[in-house]
């Protein structure tokens, strides 16, 4: 087979370009747009995240310094948090803002507002199991402070991660003490103690709580039986 002449090769190239040139150019343009779009998106996202982080930090600073009696300052604080949430409702910054508001409300004794803020966090689509369990624990204590004992126990039932078992059991014991169900409180505190002892974590406060419901515990490093004492359950 004879090699194609220069003229034939040129004609073939023109024909190929005419037939596929548009698709090739489009592919190249799409690749370039995707690349530079990704670069832009990364820079834009980084800038937005940095800005939202700065806003959350400012919110935390304002929350620490706000006067709990200053209604106008509290309203301004709430509006700042709402703006952060509205900008990116399912972002970690939105969650942080709600946690700040919940803590601020809890510190000033407005447990209903704390519960409301925490429930807004609960409704987020951001999936972070650790954060969810922290939320549940804080929500349970906000409910306990309002004497919503059954609601608090229901909230704690959702804390299923073994890493949070000791904290959840201790919180459950606190709820049972408030309900004056000493037997259940003793059982919950004991479960929390066993979990902490296994992990060799600090437990002095829990030891005091156990003693308050009539259970004396020794240092877990020394194997001794648990001694139960009589306690006035009235």
C-alpha atoms as a PDB file:
ATOM      1  CA  UNK A   1       0.000   0.000   0.000  1.00  0.00           C
ATOM      2  CA  UNK A   2       1.436   3.338  -1.021  1.00  0.00           C
ATOM      3  CA  UNK A   3       1.909   5.961   1.616  1.00  0.00           C
ATOM      4  CA  UNK A   4      -0.518   8.841   1.476  1.00  0.00           C
ATOM      5  CA  UNK A   5       0.722  11.948  -0.165  1.00  0.00           C
ATOM      6  CA  UNK A   6       1.085  15.166   1.808  1.00  0.00           C
ATOM      7  CA  UNK A   7      -2.002  16.461   0.088  1.00  0.00           C
ATOM      8  CA  UNK A   8      -4.016  13.360   1.013  1.00  0.00           C
ATOM      9  CA  UNK A   9      -2.863  13.571   4.665  1.00  0.00           C
ATOM     10  CA  UNK A  10      -3.883  17.223   4.785  1.00  0.00           C
ATOM     11  CA  UNK A  11      -7.294  16.378   3.362  1.00  0.00           C
ATOM     12  CA  UNK A  12      -7.751  13.595   5.944  1.00  0.00           C
ATOM     13  CA  UNK A  13      -6.754  15.918   8.768  1.00  0.00           C
ATOM     14  CA  UNK A  14      -9.232  18.528   7.605  1.00  0.00           C
ATOM     15  CA  UNK A  15     -11.963  15.897   7.407  1.00  0.00           C
ATOM     16  CA  UNK A  16     -11.149  14.558  10.903  1.00  0.00           C
ATOM     17  CA  UNK A  17     -11.046  18.061  12.374  1.00  0.00           C
ATOM     18  CA  UNK A  18     -14.317  18.955  10.737  1.00  0.00           C
ATOM     19  CA  UNK A  19     -15.954  15.802  12.091  1.00  0.00           C
ATOM     20  CA  UNK A  20     -14.490  15.591  15.632  1.00  0.00           C
ATOM     21  CA  UNK A  21     -12.869  18.950  16.252  1.00  0.00           C
ATOM     22  CA  UNK A  22     -15.859  20.448  18.038  1.00  0.00           C
ATOM     23  CA  UNK A  23     -16.099  17.514  20.464  1.00  0.00           C
ATOM     24  CA  UNK A  24     -12.357  17.557  21.178  1.00  0.00           C
ATOM     25  CA  UNK A  25     -12.341  21.285  21.858  1.00  0.00           C
ATOM     26  CA  UNK A  26     -15.430  20.926  24.072  1.00  0.00           C
ATOM     27  CA  UNK A  27     -13.726  18.151  26.034  1.00  0.00           C
ATOM     28  CA  UNK A  28     -10.650  20.259  26.570  1.00  0.00           C
ATOM     29  CA  UNK A  29     -12.733  23.233  27.652  1.00  0.00           C
ATOM     30  CA  UNK A  30     -14.729  21.085  30.083  1.00  0.00           C
ATOM     31  CA  UNK A  31     -11.500  19.706  31.561  1.00  0.00           C
ATOM     32  CA  UNK A  32     -10.088  23.219  31.952  1.00  0.00           C
ATOM     33  CA  UNK A  33     -13.303  24.532  33.479  1.00  0.00           C
ATOM     34  CA  UNK A  34     -13.416  21.587  35.881  1.00  0.00           C
ATOM     35  CA  UNK A  35      -9.813  22.150  36.928  1.00  0.00           C
ATOM     36  CA  UNK A  36     -10.012  25.887  37.413  1.00  0.00           C
ATOM     37  CA  UNK A  37     -13.521  25.533  38.888  1.00  0.00           C
ATOM     38  CA  UNK A  38     -12.168  23.092  41.453  1.00  0.00           C
ATOM     39  CA  UNK A  39      -9.297  25.456  42.270  1.00  0.00           C
ATOM     40  CA  UNK A  40     -11.733  28.340  42.679  1.00  0.00           C
ATOM     41  CA  UNK A  41     -14.141  26.243  44.752  1.00  0.00           C
ATOM     42  CA  UNK A  42     -11.345  25.152  47.099  1.00  0.00           C
ATOM     43  CA  UNK A  43     -10.174  28.717  47.628  1.00  0.00           C
ATOM     44  CA  UNK A  44     -13.727  29.977  48.002  1.00  0.00           C
ATOM     45  CA  UNK A  45     -14.631  27.221  50.472  1.00  0.00           C
ATOM     46  CA  UNK A  46     -11.479  27.840  52.490  1.00  0.00           C
ATOM     47  CA  UNK A  47     -12.219  31.553  52.651  1.00  0.00           C
ATOM     48  CA  UNK A  48     -15.840  30.930  53.658  1.00  0.00           C
ATOM     49  CA  UNK A  49     -14.824  28.436  56.352  1.00  0.00           C
ATOM     50  CA  UNK A  50     -12.258  30.850  57.744  1.00  0.00           C
ATOM     51  CA  UNK A  51     -14.859  33.618  57.813  1.00  0.00           C
ATOM     52  CA  UNK A  52     -17.429  31.413  59.574  1.00  0.00           C
ATOM     53  CA  UNK A  53     -14.836  30.228  62.066  1.00  0.00           C
ATOM     54  CA  UNK A  54     -14.034  33.862  62.849  1.00  0.00           C
ATOM     55  CA  UNK A  55     -17.747  34.575  63.334  1.00  0.00           C
ATOM     56  CA  UNK A  56     -18.119  31.636  65.725  1.00  0.00           C
ATOM     57  CA  UNK A  57     -15.078  32.813  67.690  1.00  0.00           C
ATOM     58  CA  UNK A  58     -16.562  36.289  67.910  1.00  0.00           C
ATOM     59  CA  UNK A  59     -19.855  34.781  69.060  1.00  0.00           C
ATOM     60  CA  UNK A  60     -18.032  32.854  71.804  1.00  0.00           C
ATOM     61  CA  UNK A  61     -16.248  35.999  72.964  1.00  0.00           C
ATOM     62  CA  UNK A  62     -19.500  37.964  73.056  1.00  0.00           C
ATOM     63  CA  UNK A  63     -21.263  35.143  74.915  1.00  0.00           C
ATOM     64  CA  UNK A  64     -18.577  35.153  77.607  1.00  0.00           C
ATOM     65  CA  UNK A  65     -18.879  38.902  78.135  1.00  0.00           C
ATOM     66  CA  UNK A  66     -22.610  39.438  77.748  1.00  0.00           C
ATOM     67  CA  UNK A  67     -24.592  40.548  80.769  1.00  0.00           C
ATOM     68  CA  UNK A  68     -27.341  38.005  81.438  1.00  0.00           C
ATOM     69  CA  UNK A  69     -29.616  40.875  82.477  1.00  0.00           C
ATOM     70  CA  UNK A  70     -29.043  42.866  79.290  1.00  0.00           C
ATOM     71  CA  UNK A  71     -31.965  41.871  77.070  1.00  0.00           C
ATOM     72  CA  UNK A  72     -30.720  43.864  74.083  1.00  0.00           C
ATOM     73  CA  UNK A  73     -27.294  42.218  74.256  1.00  0.00           C
ATOM     74  CA  UNK A  74     -28.889  38.772  74.516  1.00  0.00           C
ATOM     75  CA  UNK A  75     -31.095  39.471  71.502  1.00  0.00           C
ATOM     76  CA  UNK A  76     -28.069  40.670  69.506  1.00  0.00           C
ATOM     77  CA  UNK A  77     -26.210  37.504  70.483  1.00  0.00           C
ATOM     78  CA  UNK A  78     -29.132  35.364  69.346  1.00  0.00           C
ATOM     79  CA  UNK A  79     -29.322  37.205  66.027  1.00  0.00           C
ATOM     80  CA  UNK A  80     -25.591  36.666  65.422  1.00  0.00           C
ATOM     81  CA  UNK A  81     -26.015  32.937  66.034  1.00  0.00           C
ATOM     82  CA  UNK A  82     -29.051  32.788  63.742  1.00  0.00           C
ATOM     83  CA  UNK A  83     -27.064  34.395  60.917  1.00  0.00           C
ATOM     84  CA  UNK A  84     -24.351  31.773  61.216  1.00  0.00           C
ATOM     85  CA  UNK A  85     -26.950  28.997  61.153  1.00  0.00           C
ATOM     86  CA  UNK A  86     -28.818  30.444  58.171  1.00  0.00           C
ATOM     87  CA  UNK A  87     -25.636  30.821  56.118  1.00  0.00           C
ATOM     88  CA  UNK A  88     -24.804  27.123  56.410  1.00  0.00           C
ATOM     89  CA  UNK A  89     -27.441  25.255  58.451  1.00  0.00           C
ATOM     90  CA  UNK A  90     -25.749  21.855  58.183  1.00  0.00           C
ATOM     91  CA  UNK A  91     -22.186  23.024  58.790  1.00  0.00           C
ATOM     92  CA  UNK A  92     -20.057  22.442  61.854  1.00  0.00           C
ATOM     93  CA  UNK A  93     -20.096  26.216  62.372  1.00  0.00           C
ATOM     94  CA  UNK A  94     -23.881  26.177  62.723  1.00  0.00           C
ATOM     95  CA  UNK A  95     -23.597  23.431  65.331  1.00  0.00           C
ATOM     96  CA  UNK A  96     -20.924  25.345  67.216  1.00  0.00           C
ATOM     97  CA  UNK A  97     -23.097  28.455  67.225  1.00  0.00           C
ATOM     98  CA  UNK A  98     -26.031  26.538  68.687  1.00  0.00           C
ATOM     99  CA  UNK A  99     -23.797  24.928  71.306  1.00  0.00           C
ATOM    100  CA  UNK A 100     -22.586  28.394  72.314  1.00  0.00           C
ATOM    101  CA  UNK A 101     -26.163  29.618  72.668  1.00  0.00           C
ATOM    102  CA  UNK A 102     -27.167  26.505  74.603  1.00  0.00           C
ATOM    103  CA  UNK A 103     -24.291  26.939  77.052  1.00  0.00           C
ATOM    104  CA  UNK A 104     -25.013  30.630  77.444  1.00  0.00           C
ATOM    105  CA  UNK A 105     -28.660  29.881  78.190  1.00  0.00           C
ATOM    106  CA  UNK A 106     -27.739  27.092  80.604  1.00  0.00           C
ATOM    107  CA  UNK A 107     -25.299  29.327  82.462  1.00  0.00           C
ATOM    108  CA  UNK A 108     -27.964  31.961  83.047  1.00  0.00           C
ATOM    109  CA  UNK A 109     -30.473  29.336  84.170  1.00  0.00           C
ATOM    110  CA  UNK A 110     -32.707  29.478  81.101  1.00  0.00           C
ATOM    111  CA  UNK A 111     -32.902  25.721  80.639  1.00  0.00           C
ATOM    112  CA  UNK A 112     -35.840  25.886  78.250  1.00  0.00           C
ATOM    113  CA  UNK A 113     -33.800  28.062  75.877  1.00  0.00           C
ATOM    114  CA  UNK A 114     -30.853  25.688  76.240  1.00  0.00           C
ATOM    115  CA  UNK A 115     -33.067  22.730  75.347  1.00  0.00           C
ATOM    116  CA  UNK A 116     -34.453  24.609  72.331  1.00  0.00           C
ATOM    117  CA  UNK A 117     -30.969  25.420  71.029  1.00  0.00           C
ATOM    118  CA  UNK A 118     -29.809  21.835  71.483  1.00  0.00           C
ATOM    119  CA  UNK A 119     -32.841  20.464  69.685  1.00  0.00           C
ATOM    120  CA  UNK A 120     -32.010  22.702  66.743  1.00  0.00           C
ATOM    121  CA  UNK A 121     -28.599  21.058  66.681  1.00  0.00           C
ATOM    122  CA  UNK A 122     -30.279  17.657  66.891  1.00  0.00           C
ATOM    123  CA  UNK A 123     -32.172  18.379  63.676  1.00  0.00           C
ATOM    124  CA  UNK A 124     -29.033  19.017  61.630  1.00  0.00           C
ATOM    125  CA  UNK A 125     -28.093  16.763  58.719  1.00  0.00           C
ATOM    126  CA  UNK A 126     -24.408  16.840  59.597  1.00  0.00           C
ATOM    127  CA  UNK A 127     -23.401  13.311  60.580  1.00  0.00           C
ATOM    128  CA  UNK A 128     -20.906  13.169  63.428  1.00  0.00           C
ATOM    129  CA  UNK A 129     -21.634  10.391  65.911  1.00  0.00           C
ATOM    130  CA  UNK A 130     -19.355  11.809  68.597  1.00  0.00           C
ATOM    131  CA  UNK A 131     -20.968  15.223  68.351  1.00  0.00           C
ATOM    132  CA  UNK A 132     -24.435  13.678  68.430  1.00  0.00           C
ATOM    133  CA  UNK A 133     -23.675  11.862  71.684  1.00  0.00           C
ATOM    134  CA  UNK A 134     -22.283  15.031  73.286  1.00  0.00           C
ATOM    135  CA  UNK A 135     -25.459  16.782  72.187  1.00  0.00           C
ATOM    136  CA  UNK A 136     -27.651  14.078  73.736  1.00  0.00           C
ATOM    137  CA  UNK A 137     -25.830  14.310  77.060  1.00  0.00           C
ATOM    138  CA  UNK A 138     -26.165  18.091  77.230  1.00  0.00           C
ATOM    139  CA  UNK A 139     -29.791  17.899  76.164  1.00  0.00           C
ATOM    140  CA  UNK A 140     -30.527  15.358  78.893  1.00  0.00           C
ATOM    141  CA  UNK A 141     -29.099  17.668  81.562  1.00  0.00           C
ATOM    142  CA  UNK A 142     -31.123  20.603  80.206  1.00  0.00           C
ATOM    143  CA  UNK A 143     -34.229  18.426  80.484  1.00  0.00           C
ATOM    144  CA  UNK A 144     -33.246  17.255  83.955  1.00  0.00           C
ATOM    145  CA  UNK A 145     -32.903  20.874  85.090  1.00  0.00           C
ATOM    146  CA  UNK A 146     -36.544  21.378  84.042  1.00  0.00           C
ATOM    147  CA  UNK A 147     -37.646  18.237  85.930  1.00  0.00           C
ATOM    148  CA  UNK A 148     -38.384  16.486  82.627  1.00  0.00           C
ATOM    149  CA  UNK A 149     -37.140  13.198  84.002  1.00  0.00           C
ATOM    150  CA  UNK A 150     -38.728  10.831  81.499  1.00  0.00           C
ATOM    151  CA  UNK A 151     -37.620  13.006  78.580  1.00  0.00           C
ATOM    152  CA  UNK A 152     -34.071  13.019  79.932  1.00  0.00           C
ATOM    153  CA  UNK A 153     -34.025   9.234  80.303  1.00  0.00           C
ATOM    154  CA  UNK A 154     -35.364   8.856  76.766  1.00  0.00           C
ATOM    155  CA  UNK A 155     -32.616  11.155  75.464  1.00  0.00           C
ATOM    156  CA  UNK A 156     -29.944   9.186  77.322  1.00  0.00           C
ATOM    157  CA  UNK A 157     -31.239   5.940  75.860  1.00  0.00           C
ATOM    158  CA  UNK A 158     -29.967   7.159  72.490  1.00  0.00           C
ATOM    159  CA  UNK A 159     -26.390   7.448  73.796  1.00  0.00           C
ATOM    160  CA  UNK A 160     -25.180   4.032  72.684  1.00  0.00           C
ATOM    161  CA  UNK A 161     -21.495   4.548  71.874  1.00  0.00           C
ATOM    162  CA  UNK A 162     -19.340   2.588  74.378  1.00  0.00           C
ATOM    163  CA  UNK A 163     -16.973   5.553  74.631  1.00  0.00           C
ATOM    164  CA  UNK A 164     -19.781   7.559  76.262  1.00  0.00           C
ATOM    165  CA  UNK A 165     -21.152   4.761  78.448  1.00  0.00           C
ATOM    166  CA  UNK A 166     -19.721   6.015  81.746  1.00  0.00           C
ATOM    167  CA  UNK A 167     -20.930   9.581  81.193  1.00  0.00           C
ATOM    168  CA  UNK A 168     -24.372   8.429  80.092  1.00  0.00           C
ATOM    169  CA  UNK A 169     -24.764   6.065  83.061  1.00  0.00           C
ATOM    170  CA  UNK A 170     -23.693   8.783  85.485  1.00  0.00           C
ATOM    171  CA  UNK A 171     -26.220  11.166  83.941  1.00  0.00           C
ATOM    172  CA  UNK A 172     -28.861   8.446  84.195  1.00  0.00           C
ATOM    173  CA  UNK A 173     -27.999   8.074  87.876  1.00  0.00           C
ATOM    174  CA  UNK A 174     -28.416  11.835  88.358  1.00  0.00           C
ATOM    175  CA  UNK A 175     -31.886  11.644  86.817  1.00  0.00           C
ATOM    176  CA  UNK A 176     -32.897   8.738  89.059  1.00  0.00           C
ATOM    177  CA  UNK A 177     -31.661  10.598  92.140  1.00  0.00           C
ATOM    178  CA  UNK A 178     -33.841  13.550  91.144  1.00  0.00           C
ATOM    179  CA  UNK A 179     -36.754  11.105  90.757  1.00  0.00           C
ATOM    180  CA  UNK A 180     -35.903   9.703  94.190  1.00  0.00           C
ATOM    181  CA  UNK A 181     -35.438   6.253  92.647  1.00  0.00           C
ATOM    182  CA  UNK A 182     -32.380   5.367  94.727  1.00  0.00           C
ATOM    183  CA  UNK A 183     -32.195   1.723  93.667  1.00  0.00           C
ATOM    184  CA  UNK A 184     -32.022   2.650  89.979  1.00  0.00           C
ATOM    185  CA  UNK A 185     -29.579   5.467  90.706  1.00  0.00           C
ATOM    186  CA  UNK A 186     -27.307   3.073  92.574  1.00  0.00           C
ATOM    187  CA  UNK A 187     -27.354   0.648  89.635  1.00  0.00           C
ATOM    188  CA  UNK A 188     -26.597   3.399  87.080  1.00  0.00           C
ATOM    189  CA  UNK A 189     -23.765   4.896  89.136  1.00  0.00           C
ATOM    190  CA  UNK A 190     -22.271   1.448  89.656  1.00  0.00           C
ATOM    191  CA  UNK A 191     -22.335   0.826  85.909  1.00  0.00           C
ATOM    192  CA  UNK A 192     -20.598   4.164  85.333  1.00  0.00           C
ATOM    193  CA  UNK A 193     -17.993   3.326  87.978  1.00  0.00           C
ATOM    194  CA  UNK A 194     -17.221  -0.038  86.384  1.00  0.00           C
ATOM    195  CA  UNK A 195     -16.771   1.597  82.970  1.00  0.00           C
ATOM    196  CA  UNK A 196     -14.443   4.279  84.346  1.00  0.00           C
ATOM    197  CA  UNK A 197     -12.462   1.801  86.410  1.00  0.00           C
ATOM    198  CA  UNK A 198     -11.911  -0.353  83.352  1.00  0.00           C
ATOM    199  CA  UNK A 199     -10.498   2.638  81.487  1.00  0.00           C
ATOM    200  CA  UNK A 200      -8.606   3.913  84.564  1.00  0.00           C
ATOM    201  CA  UNK A 201     -10.270   7.336  84.381  1.00  0.00           C
ATOM    202  CA  UNK A 202     -10.682   9.908  87.137  1.00  0.00           C
ATOM    203  CA  UNK A 203     -13.788   9.154  89.232  1.00  0.00           C
ATOM    204  CA  UNK A 204     -13.659  11.070  92.513  1.00  0.00           C
ATOM    205  CA  UNK A 205     -16.959  12.887  91.908  1.00  0.00           C
ATOM    206  CA  UNK A 206     -18.664   9.663  90.907  1.00  0.00           C
ATOM    207  CA  UNK A 207     -17.340   8.055  94.084  1.00  0.00           C
ATOM    208  CA  UNK A 208     -19.068  10.799  96.109  1.00  0.00           C
ATOM    209  CA  UNK A 209     -22.284  10.210  94.195  1.00  0.00           C
ATOM    210  CA  UNK A 210     -22.086   6.488  94.895  1.00  0.00           C
ATOM    211  CA  UNK A 211     -21.565   7.136  98.584  1.00  0.00           C
ATOM    212  CA  UNK A 212     -24.580   9.458  98.561  1.00  0.00           C
ATOM    213  CA  UNK A 213     -26.768   6.525  97.518  1.00  0.00           C
ATOM    214  CA  UNK A 214     -25.200   4.176 100.046  1.00  0.00           C
ATOM    215  CA  UNK A 215     -22.418   2.470  98.087  1.00  0.00           C
ATOM    216  CA  UNK A 216     -18.830   2.618  99.312  1.00  0.00           C
ATOM    217  CA  UNK A 217     -16.200   1.883  96.695  1.00  0.00           C
ATOM    218  CA  UNK A 218     -12.453   1.452  97.031  1.00  0.00           C
ATOM    219  CA  UNK A 219      -9.687   2.165  94.576  1.00  0.00           C
ATOM    220  CA  UNK A 220     -10.273  -0.271  91.705  1.00  0.00           C
ATOM    221  CA  UNK A 221      -6.578  -1.125  91.649  1.00  0.00           C
ATOM    222  CA  UNK A 222      -7.204  -2.969  94.922  1.00  0.00           C
ATOM    223  CA  UNK A 223      -9.715  -5.755  94.511  1.00  0.00           C
ATOM    224  CA  UNK A 224     -12.191  -5.455  97.325  1.00  0.00           C
ATOM    225  CA  UNK A 225     -15.915  -6.082  97.388  1.00  0.00           C
ATOM    226  CA  UNK A 226     -18.323  -3.188  97.155  1.00  0.00           C
ATOM    227  CA  UNK A 227     -19.865  -2.411 100.507  1.00  0.00           C
ATOM    228  CA  UNK A 228     -23.483  -1.322 100.596  1.00  0.00           C
ATOM    229  CA  UNK A 229     -24.695   0.833 103.446  1.00  0.00           C
ATOM    230  CA  UNK A 230     -28.185   1.792 104.474  1.00  0.00           C
ATOM    231  CA  UNK A 231     -29.458   5.011 102.975  1.00  0.00           C
ATOM    232  CA  UNK A 232     -32.533   6.980 103.751  1.00  0.00           C
ATOM    233  CA  UNK A 233     -34.547   6.762 100.520  1.00  0.00           C
ATOM    234  CA  UNK A 234     -37.071   9.317 101.685  1.00  0.00           C
END
